[in-house]
Protein backbone atom coordinates (compact mmCIF):
# COMPACT_ATOMS: atom_id res chain seq x y z
CA MET A 1 -171.58 1.12 2.61
CA ALA A 2 -170.29 -0.37 6.17
CA SER A 3 -166.59 -1.03 6.07
CA SER A 4 -165.93 -5.13 5.85
CA ARG A 5 -162.96 -4.75 8.05
CA LEU A 6 -162.74 -7.19 10.71
CA LYS A 7 -162.81 -5.27 14.29
CA PHE A 8 -161.51 -7.19 17.37
CA ASP A 9 -162.48 -4.25 19.48
CA GLU A 10 -165.63 -2.34 18.59
CA TRP A 11 -164.70 0.74 20.51
CA GLU A 12 -161.03 1.09 18.59
CA ASP A 13 -162.08 4.18 16.80
CA LEU A 14 -163.00 5.91 19.80
CA TYR A 15 -159.83 5.86 21.65
CA ALA A 16 -157.63 8.93 21.97
CA GLU A 17 -154.76 9.40 19.71
CA ARG A 18 -152.27 9.15 22.62
CA MET A 19 -152.95 5.45 23.12
CA ASP A 20 -151.27 4.99 19.81
CA HIS A 21 -148.14 6.49 21.57
CA LEU A 22 -148.03 4.98 24.67
CA ARG A 23 -144.97 2.87 25.55
CA ARG A 24 -145.09 -0.57 27.06
CA SER A 25 -143.55 -1.25 30.54
CA ALA A 26 -140.75 -4.23 29.72
CA VAL A 27 -140.60 -4.69 33.47
CA ARG A 28 -144.64 -4.82 34.15
CA ASP A 29 -144.82 -7.23 31.00
CA LEU A 30 -142.03 -9.53 32.37
CA PHE A 31 -143.37 -9.76 35.87
CA ALA A 32 -145.68 -13.02 34.83
CA ALA A 33 -142.43 -14.67 33.67
CA VAL A 34 -140.23 -13.74 36.58
CA SER A 35 -142.85 -15.08 38.81
CA ARG A 36 -141.83 -18.66 37.54
CA PRO A 37 -139.77 -20.47 40.39
CA ASP A 38 -137.45 -21.60 37.61
CA VAL A 39 -136.50 -18.03 36.53
CA ILE A 40 -133.93 -15.60 38.47
CA GLY A 41 -135.27 -11.90 37.85
CA LEU A 42 -132.37 -9.60 36.68
CA SER A 43 -135.25 -7.10 35.51
CA GLY A 44 -137.26 -5.56 38.05
CA GLY A 45 -135.55 -2.93 40.28
CA MET A 46 -137.07 -4.11 43.34
CA PRO A 47 -135.11 -2.77 46.32
CA ASP A 48 -134.10 -5.39 49.38
CA ILE A 49 -136.78 -4.50 52.00
CA SER A 50 -135.85 -7.80 54.17
CA SER A 51 -133.83 -5.43 56.53
CA LEU A 52 -136.79 -3.67 57.46
CA PRO A 53 -137.92 -4.03 61.14
CA LEU A 54 -141.23 -5.29 60.63
CA ASP A 55 -142.17 -5.25 64.43
CA GLN A 56 -141.38 -1.35 64.45
CA VAL A 57 -143.04 -0.96 61.26
CA ALA A 58 -146.09 -2.64 62.50
CA GLU A 59 -146.15 -0.37 65.75
CA CYS A 60 -145.96 2.58 63.46
CA ALA A 61 -149.18 1.21 61.53
CA ARG A 62 -150.85 0.49 65.06
CA ARG A 63 -150.15 4.28 66.03
CA CYS A 64 -151.39 5.49 62.69
CA VAL A 65 -154.90 3.98 63.77
CA THR A 66 -154.89 4.75 67.62
CA GLU A 67 -153.39 8.26 67.41
CA GLU A 68 -154.54 9.54 64.12
CA GLY A 69 -156.95 7.39 62.86
CA LEU A 70 -159.82 9.46 61.70
CA LYS A 71 -157.28 11.63 59.97
CA ALA A 72 -155.12 9.12 58.59
CA LEU A 73 -158.50 7.61 57.16
CA GLN A 74 -159.99 10.66 55.70
CA TYR A 75 -159.25 12.75 52.65
CA GLY A 76 -156.19 14.70 52.63
CA GLY A 77 -154.95 18.14 50.87
CA SER A 78 -153.42 17.73 47.18
CA ASP A 79 -150.30 18.81 48.36
CA GLY A 80 -149.93 16.49 51.19
CA ARG A 81 -149.94 16.50 54.63
CA VAL A 82 -147.82 19.47 56.09
CA GLN A 83 -146.45 16.96 58.99
CA PHE A 84 -144.92 14.59 56.41
CA ARG A 85 -143.70 17.66 53.99
CA GLU A 86 -141.62 18.52 57.15
CA VAL A 87 -140.20 15.03 57.46
CA VAL A 88 -139.48 15.21 53.52
CA CYS A 89 -137.52 18.48 54.39
CA ASP A 90 -135.55 16.68 56.87
CA ILE A 91 -134.41 13.72 54.45
CA LEU A 92 -133.56 16.58 51.84
CA ALA A 93 -131.17 18.51 54.38
CA LYS A 94 -129.26 15.08 54.72
CA GLN A 95 -128.32 15.41 51.05
CA GLY A 96 -127.81 19.53 51.38
CA VAL A 97 -130.75 20.24 49.67
CA GLU A 98 -132.57 23.34 51.63
CA ALA A 99 -136.29 23.11 51.57
CA THR A 100 -139.67 24.09 53.03
CA PRO A 101 -142.84 22.49 53.13
CA ASP A 102 -143.91 25.13 50.81
CA ASP A 103 -141.60 24.07 48.42
CA VAL A 104 -142.95 20.47 48.36
CA ILE A 105 -145.93 18.53 46.64
CA LEU A 106 -146.52 14.79 47.78
CA THR A 107 -147.56 12.18 44.62
CA SER A 108 -148.50 8.60 44.51
CA GLY A 109 -145.27 7.32 43.67
CA SER A 110 -142.41 9.10 41.18
CA GLN A 111 -144.50 7.48 38.31
CA GLN A 112 -147.41 9.78 38.65
CA ALA A 113 -144.78 12.92 39.31
CA LEU A 114 -143.28 12.03 36.00
CA ASP A 115 -146.57 11.78 34.40
CA PHE A 116 -147.76 15.29 35.93
CA LEU A 117 -144.33 16.74 34.66
CA GLY A 118 -146.01 15.67 30.94
CA ARG A 119 -149.21 17.32 31.96
CA VAL A 120 -147.60 20.64 33.00
CA PHE A 121 -144.88 20.90 30.29
CA ILE A 122 -145.50 19.01 27.07
CA ASN A 123 -147.45 19.70 24.23
CA GLN A 124 -147.71 17.30 20.95
CA GLY A 125 -144.36 17.35 19.12
CA ASP A 126 -142.40 19.54 22.04
CA GLU A 127 -139.01 19.08 22.25
CA VAL A 128 -137.67 17.30 25.81
CA ILE A 129 -134.08 16.01 26.55
CA CYS A 130 -132.93 12.86 28.42
CA GLU A 131 -129.95 10.91 28.83
CA GLY A 132 -129.28 7.75 26.69
CA PRO A 133 -129.86 5.50 28.16
CA SER A 134 -133.04 6.76 30.37
CA TYR A 135 -135.31 5.57 32.76
CA LEU A 136 -137.95 3.33 31.23
CA GLY A 137 -140.73 4.51 33.47
CA ALA A 138 -140.13 8.29 32.51
CA LEU A 139 -139.97 7.38 28.80
CA GLN A 140 -143.47 5.52 28.94
CA ALA A 141 -144.97 8.52 31.13
CA PHE A 142 -143.56 11.49 28.70
CA SER A 143 -145.04 9.21 25.87
CA ALA A 144 -148.43 9.82 26.55
CA TYR A 145 -148.19 13.74 25.40
CA MET A 146 -146.20 12.55 22.25
CA PRO A 147 -143.00 14.68 22.63
CA HIS A 148 -140.40 14.54 20.55
CA MET A 149 -137.43 12.70 22.78
CA ASN A 150 -133.74 13.91 22.27
CA CYS A 151 -131.49 11.30 23.77
CA ILE A 152 -128.13 12.44 24.61
CA GLU A 153 -125.53 9.62 24.63
CA MET A 154 -123.76 8.95 27.97
CA ASP A 155 -119.94 8.09 28.73
CA GLU A 156 -118.43 6.69 32.05
CA GLU A 157 -119.31 10.40 33.30
CA GLY A 158 -122.75 10.75 32.32
CA MET A 159 -124.27 12.71 29.82
CA ARG A 160 -121.99 14.20 27.40
CA MET A 161 -122.09 18.02 27.67
CA ASP A 162 -120.49 18.46 24.42
CA LEU A 163 -123.49 16.67 22.45
CA LEU A 164 -126.12 18.45 24.97
CA GLU A 165 -124.67 21.85 24.17
CA ALA A 166 -124.87 20.90 20.23
CA ARG A 167 -128.13 20.16 20.40
CA LEU A 168 -129.31 22.86 22.52
CA LYS A 169 -127.77 25.30 19.84
CA GLU A 170 -129.75 23.35 17.10
CA LEU A 171 -133.01 23.68 18.72
CA GLY A 172 -132.43 27.33 19.89
CA PRO A 173 -132.90 29.23 23.33
CA GLY A 174 -136.14 28.02 24.94
CA LYS A 175 -137.28 25.30 22.66
CA ALA A 176 -136.52 22.26 24.93
CA LYS A 177 -139.40 21.93 27.86
CA PHE A 178 -137.05 20.34 30.19
CA ILE A 179 -133.79 18.24 30.14
CA TYR A 180 -134.50 15.24 32.43
CA THR A 181 -131.68 13.54 34.14
CA ILE A 182 -130.80 10.66 36.74
CA PRO A 183 -127.28 12.11 38.04
CA ASN A 184 -126.92 9.69 40.74
CA PHE A 185 -126.61 5.98 39.53
CA ASN A 186 -128.56 6.50 36.66
CA ASN A 187 -131.19 3.82 35.93
CA PRO A 188 -130.44 2.25 33.93
CA SER A 189 -126.93 2.40 33.40
CA GLY A 190 -125.64 2.85 36.80
CA ILE A 191 -123.42 5.57 35.74
CA THR A 192 -123.07 9.18 37.77
CA LEU A 193 -122.61 12.42 36.28
CA SER A 194 -119.23 13.89 37.27
CA LEU A 195 -119.37 17.28 39.46
CA GLU A 196 -117.68 18.95 36.36
CA ARG A 197 -120.47 18.08 34.13
CA ARG A 198 -123.07 18.68 36.86
CA ARG A 199 -121.93 22.59 36.90
CA ARG A 200 -121.79 22.49 33.13
CA LEU A 201 -125.36 21.09 33.05
CA LEU A 202 -126.80 23.67 34.74
CA GLU A 203 -124.71 26.38 33.19
CA LEU A 204 -126.31 25.34 29.66
CA ALA A 205 -129.76 25.25 31.50
CA HIS A 206 -129.68 28.72 32.04
CA GLU A 207 -128.07 29.93 28.72
CA TYR A 208 -130.72 28.26 26.65
CA GLY A 209 -133.55 28.48 29.38
CA VAL A 210 -134.77 25.02 29.96
CA PRO A 211 -135.48 23.70 33.21
CA VAL A 212 -133.59 20.70 34.82
CA VAL A 213 -135.66 18.02 36.42
CA GLU A 214 -133.61 15.91 38.73
CA ASP A 215 -134.77 12.39 39.57
CA ASP A 216 -132.92 11.05 42.43
CA PRO A 217 -134.45 7.81 43.89
CA TYR A 218 -131.04 6.44 44.34
CA GLY A 219 -128.79 9.09 45.86
CA LEU A 220 -128.93 7.86 49.40
CA ILE A 221 -127.78 4.45 48.23
CA ARG A 222 -124.31 5.25 47.56
CA TYR A 223 -121.70 2.82 48.93
CA GLU A 224 -118.64 3.52 47.58
CA GLY A 225 -116.81 6.68 46.18
CA GLU A 226 -117.44 10.35 47.39
CA ASP A 227 -121.00 11.51 47.61
CA LEU A 228 -121.65 14.27 44.81
CA PRO A 229 -123.97 17.68 45.55
CA ARG A 230 -127.43 17.27 44.29
CA LEU A 231 -128.15 19.48 41.24
CA LYS A 232 -131.14 21.12 43.32
CA SER A 233 -128.53 22.23 46.43
CA MET A 234 -126.39 23.81 43.31
CA ASP A 235 -129.21 25.45 41.79
CA PRO A 236 -132.72 26.34 43.63
CA SER A 237 -134.50 26.32 40.19
CA VAL A 238 -133.85 22.70 39.75
CA ILE A 239 -137.10 20.34 39.91
CA TYR A 240 -136.22 17.53 42.40
CA LEU A 241 -138.19 14.39 42.31
CA GLY A 242 -137.66 11.90 45.37
CA THR A 243 -139.36 8.96 47.04
CA THR A 244 -139.55 6.70 49.79
CA SER A 245 -139.41 3.19 47.68
CA LYS A 246 -135.90 3.17 48.00
CA ILE A 247 -135.35 3.95 51.36
CA PHE A 248 -138.55 2.63 53.05
CA ALA A 249 -141.39 0.76 51.19
CA PRO A 250 -142.01 0.96 47.43
CA GLY A 251 -145.56 -0.53 48.07
CA LEU A 252 -146.35 2.79 50.11
CA ARG A 253 -146.25 4.94 46.62
CA LEU A 254 -144.70 7.68 48.31
CA ALA A 255 -142.78 10.77 46.48
CA TRP A 256 -142.31 13.95 46.55
CA VAL A 257 -141.65 17.03 43.92
CA VAL A 258 -139.46 20.13 45.28
CA ALA A 259 -139.58 23.01 42.92
CA PRO A 260 -140.23 26.66 42.70
CA LYS A 261 -143.82 27.65 43.80
CA PRO A 262 -145.32 28.29 40.24
CA PHE A 263 -144.57 24.89 39.42
CA ILE A 264 -146.03 23.35 42.21
CA ASP A 265 -149.27 25.21 42.09
CA ARG A 266 -149.42 23.52 38.45
CA MET A 267 -148.62 20.06 39.85
CA ASN A 268 -151.14 20.75 42.52
CA LEU A 269 -153.68 21.13 39.82
CA SER A 270 -152.96 18.14 38.12
CA LYS A 271 -153.05 16.11 41.39
CA GLN A 272 -156.62 17.42 42.09
CA GLY A 273 -157.78 16.13 38.39
CA ALA A 274 -155.71 12.90 39.06
CA ASP A 275 -156.48 10.91 42.61
CA LEU A 276 -157.52 13.92 44.81
CA CYS A 277 -154.49 13.44 47.47
CA THR A 278 -152.01 10.90 48.11
CA SER A 279 -152.82 8.24 50.70
CA PRO A 280 -153.07 10.22 54.20
CA PHE A 281 -152.69 6.98 56.05
CA ASN A 282 -149.37 6.07 54.19
CA MET A 283 -148.30 9.41 54.73
CA VAL A 284 -148.72 9.21 58.87
CA LEU A 285 -147.01 5.72 58.52
CA ALA A 286 -144.13 7.08 56.79
CA GLU A 287 -144.02 9.88 59.07
CA HIS A 288 -143.92 7.60 62.13
CA TYR A 289 -141.10 5.52 60.21
CA PHE A 290 -138.87 8.12 59.87
CA LYS A 291 -139.34 9.98 63.27
CA GLU A 292 -139.16 6.86 65.40
CA THR A 293 -136.69 4.44 64.10
CA ASP A 294 -133.11 4.42 63.08
CA TRP A 295 -134.02 4.34 59.54
CA LEU A 296 -130.47 5.12 58.35
CA ALA A 297 -129.13 1.98 59.98
CA THR A 298 -131.56 -0.14 58.20
CA LEU A 299 -130.56 1.62 55.07
CA GLU A 300 -126.93 0.82 55.65
CA ILE A 301 -127.92 -2.67 55.92
CA SER A 302 -129.56 -2.62 52.63
CA LYS A 303 -126.61 -0.92 51.34
CA ALA A 304 -124.09 -3.60 52.32
CA ARG A 305 -126.42 -6.12 50.75
CA TYR A 306 -126.45 -4.29 47.55
CA ARG A 307 -122.31 -3.76 47.40
CA GLU A 308 -122.29 -7.43 48.09
CA ARG A 309 -124.69 -8.49 45.26
CA LYS A 310 -123.21 -6.01 42.78
CA ASN A 311 -119.71 -7.23 43.48
CA ALA A 312 -121.00 -10.69 43.02
CA MET A 313 -122.49 -9.73 39.77
CA LEU A 314 -119.31 -8.04 38.40
CA ALA A 315 -117.12 -11.09 39.47
CA ALA A 316 -119.42 -13.31 37.62
CA LEU A 317 -119.32 -11.16 34.40
CA GLU A 318 -115.61 -10.98 34.54
CA GLU A 319 -115.35 -14.60 34.84
CA LEU A 320 -118.23 -16.03 32.36
CA PHE A 321 -119.03 -13.14 29.83
CA PRO A 322 -117.19 -13.42 26.69
CA PRO A 323 -114.18 -10.49 26.21
CA GLU A 324 -116.10 -8.92 23.80
CA ALA A 325 -118.67 -7.71 26.33
CA SER A 326 -118.48 -4.75 28.38
CA TRP A 327 -120.25 -3.28 31.51
CA THR A 328 -120.47 0.15 33.97
CA HIS A 329 -119.25 -0.29 37.73
CA PRO A 330 -121.73 1.59 39.49
CA GLU A 331 -120.67 3.08 42.85
CA GLY A 332 -124.40 3.16 44.28
CA GLY A 333 -127.98 2.09 43.18
CA LEU A 334 -129.34 -1.02 41.81
CA PHE A 335 -128.07 -1.16 38.37
CA LEU A 336 -125.62 -1.88 35.50
CA TRP A 337 -125.51 -1.72 32.12
CA VAL A 338 -124.05 -4.30 29.55
CA SER A 339 -123.00 -3.79 25.99
CA LEU A 340 -122.39 -6.71 23.68
CA PRO A 341 -121.10 -6.67 20.22
CA PRO A 342 -123.06 -4.69 17.61
CA TYR A 343 -124.76 -7.71 15.94
CA PHE A 344 -126.61 -8.86 19.07
CA ASP A 345 -130.37 -8.11 19.45
CA THR A 346 -131.27 -8.39 23.24
CA ASN A 347 -135.24 -7.96 22.48
CA GLN A 348 -134.52 -11.17 20.17
CA MET A 349 -132.69 -13.12 22.77
CA LEU A 350 -135.02 -12.48 25.73
CA SER A 351 -137.23 -15.44 24.99
CA VAL A 352 -134.28 -17.77 25.05
CA ALA A 353 -132.68 -16.33 28.04
CA LEU A 354 -136.07 -16.78 29.61
CA GLU A 355 -136.08 -20.59 28.42
CA HIS A 356 -133.02 -20.72 30.22
CA GLY A 357 -134.18 -19.33 33.54
CA VAL A 358 -133.39 -15.73 33.60
CA ALA A 359 -134.60 -12.45 32.66
CA TYR A 360 -133.24 -8.99 32.10
CA VAL A 361 -134.38 -5.77 30.63
CA PRO A 362 -133.64 -5.05 26.70
CA GLY A 363 -131.60 -1.81 26.11
CA THR A 364 -133.98 -0.87 23.49
CA ASN A 365 -136.57 0.08 26.35
CA CYS A 366 -134.72 2.60 27.74
CA PHE A 367 -134.02 4.39 24.36
CA PRO A 368 -137.01 6.73 22.58
CA ASP A 369 -135.72 6.00 19.28
CA GLY A 370 -134.56 2.27 18.97
CA ARG A 371 -131.20 2.61 20.42
CA GLY A 372 -129.66 -0.07 22.73
CA ARG A 373 -130.45 -3.14 20.61
CA GLU A 374 -126.98 -4.71 21.69
CA SER A 375 -127.45 -3.86 25.31
CA MET A 376 -129.57 -5.14 28.50
CA ARG A 377 -130.23 -3.62 32.13
CA LEU A 378 -129.26 -6.08 34.92
CA CYS A 379 -130.52 -5.32 38.10
CA TYR A 380 -128.70 -6.86 41.23
CA SER A 381 -130.55 -5.54 44.41
CA TYR A 382 -132.83 -8.37 45.07
CA GLU A 383 -131.44 -11.76 44.04
CA SER A 384 -129.05 -13.56 46.50
CA PRO A 385 -124.99 -13.57 45.28
CA GLU A 386 -125.65 -16.90 44.59
CA ASN A 387 -128.56 -16.75 42.52
CA ILE A 388 -126.76 -13.84 40.76
CA HIS A 389 -123.75 -15.80 39.88
CA GLU A 390 -126.31 -18.59 38.46
CA ALA A 391 -128.11 -16.07 36.73
CA ILE A 392 -125.02 -14.80 34.74
CA LYS A 393 -123.81 -18.25 34.01
CA ARG A 394 -127.20 -18.87 32.40
CA LEU A 395 -127.10 -15.71 30.14
CA ALA A 396 -123.37 -16.11 29.28
CA ASP A 397 -124.49 -19.82 27.79
CA VAL A 398 -127.04 -17.99 25.70
CA ILE A 399 -124.77 -15.34 24.74
CA ASP A 400 -121.88 -18.06 23.56
CA ASP A 401 -124.64 -19.73 21.78
CA ARG A 402 -125.65 -16.63 19.49
CA MET A 403 -122.05 -15.86 19.09
CA GLY A 404 -121.30 -19.42 17.68
CA LEU A 405 -124.22 -19.07 15.71
CA TYR A 406 -122.99 -15.55 14.40
CA ARG A 407 -119.34 -16.85 13.75
CA ALA A 408 -121.13 -20.05 11.72
CA PHE A 409 -123.03 -17.73 9.58
CA LEU A 410 -119.97 -15.52 9.09
CA GLU A 411 -117.39 -18.34 8.21
CA ALA A 412 -120.30 -19.61 5.38
CA GLY A 413 -120.56 -16.12 4.20
CA ALA A 414 -124.20 -15.95 4.70
CA LEU A 415 -124.14 -12.50 6.43
CA PRO A 416 -122.07 -10.21 4.42
CA GLY A 417 -124.39 -10.67 1.09
CA SER A 418 -127.73 -11.52 2.67
CA GLY A 419 -128.29 -8.20 4.39
CA HIS A 420 -128.75 -9.66 7.91
CA THR A 421 -127.14 -7.64 10.57
CA SER A 422 -128.43 -9.73 13.72
CA GLU A 423 -127.87 -12.82 15.34
CA GLY A 424 -130.24 -15.41 14.98
CA LYS A 425 -131.31 -14.86 11.28
């Protein structure tokens, strides 16, 4: 007898099990909301590309066609143009990382590289270690392969090595597939892993036979403090991810993985089955840009703007947020992390914030296990200082209303005996 259950999708029984485990991207889901003219977006991590010398970029694009048009518009190798891999090695050298083109494979954005990490390493139920909080795009990419994510708490010096060591001991040698970290200006927290902890992380990784994946999109966007060595420069076995998205143009979707040759070979197989090759035209354009323009001077202009906007956000938080709130103080990157009292639920609060004309990323999106409900990621890279101040003011009004509601419930005795633990219920 046929089932009488109503189906809204006639193919729902045909989809792969992994589709039930895929995470949504809060940033992508908010795109429609932040496109409204009345909403100030502190959610998406968009770099400020207004300082790009567009006349020079246009000349680079013209030369792509006039000088290498047939090659730039044809298929390319799965590992990417050797000329651009040479450019990548030059960019890495400025960060103290030694590499040859054979150590590099190019991908269509870092998000593709993260997906390939999952393909190469993760079987269902495997153990993967990350920071807590961690990049929501990485959590989304890994979720398709159904691992068990071990989220290691952070403090002001980054991932806590005592907690990492305890978890590695519990799992046993060789049991974790890899440790994923953003050591420079972590997305979403803005925290940088200290030098002492970088050394200890690599020691523990070798002791327990676990590869380290260093995701470094923000390493060149330091505008305060002392630069720290990349993990890759300290240990050649580290799998290193980099991108042009924060130092040139995110729309080109160009990124790279630098790793030992056996791993690069497996990434190449993944690439062949995914999109055959990264856009040769985009690679040629990027080659001309990095070779023929003063891209570091352009980056300095962007960094000065980020510093100004970060300081504007910190000043607004100090002025307008309640004393019960706390936040990080990044020395680079695009984000900071705000923590509110434990009775807050920033997922519930988001709809009200959007009504007030401000968007953020709720903290639970940056954990694999539902933690972070009292926290939020704020991006300061894109909006003007004036808009940032106005956005924080709107957000502070929402928070004040929530705190007032909580206190009213508390005074009425509704919370202790009701089992309600979050505001707004």
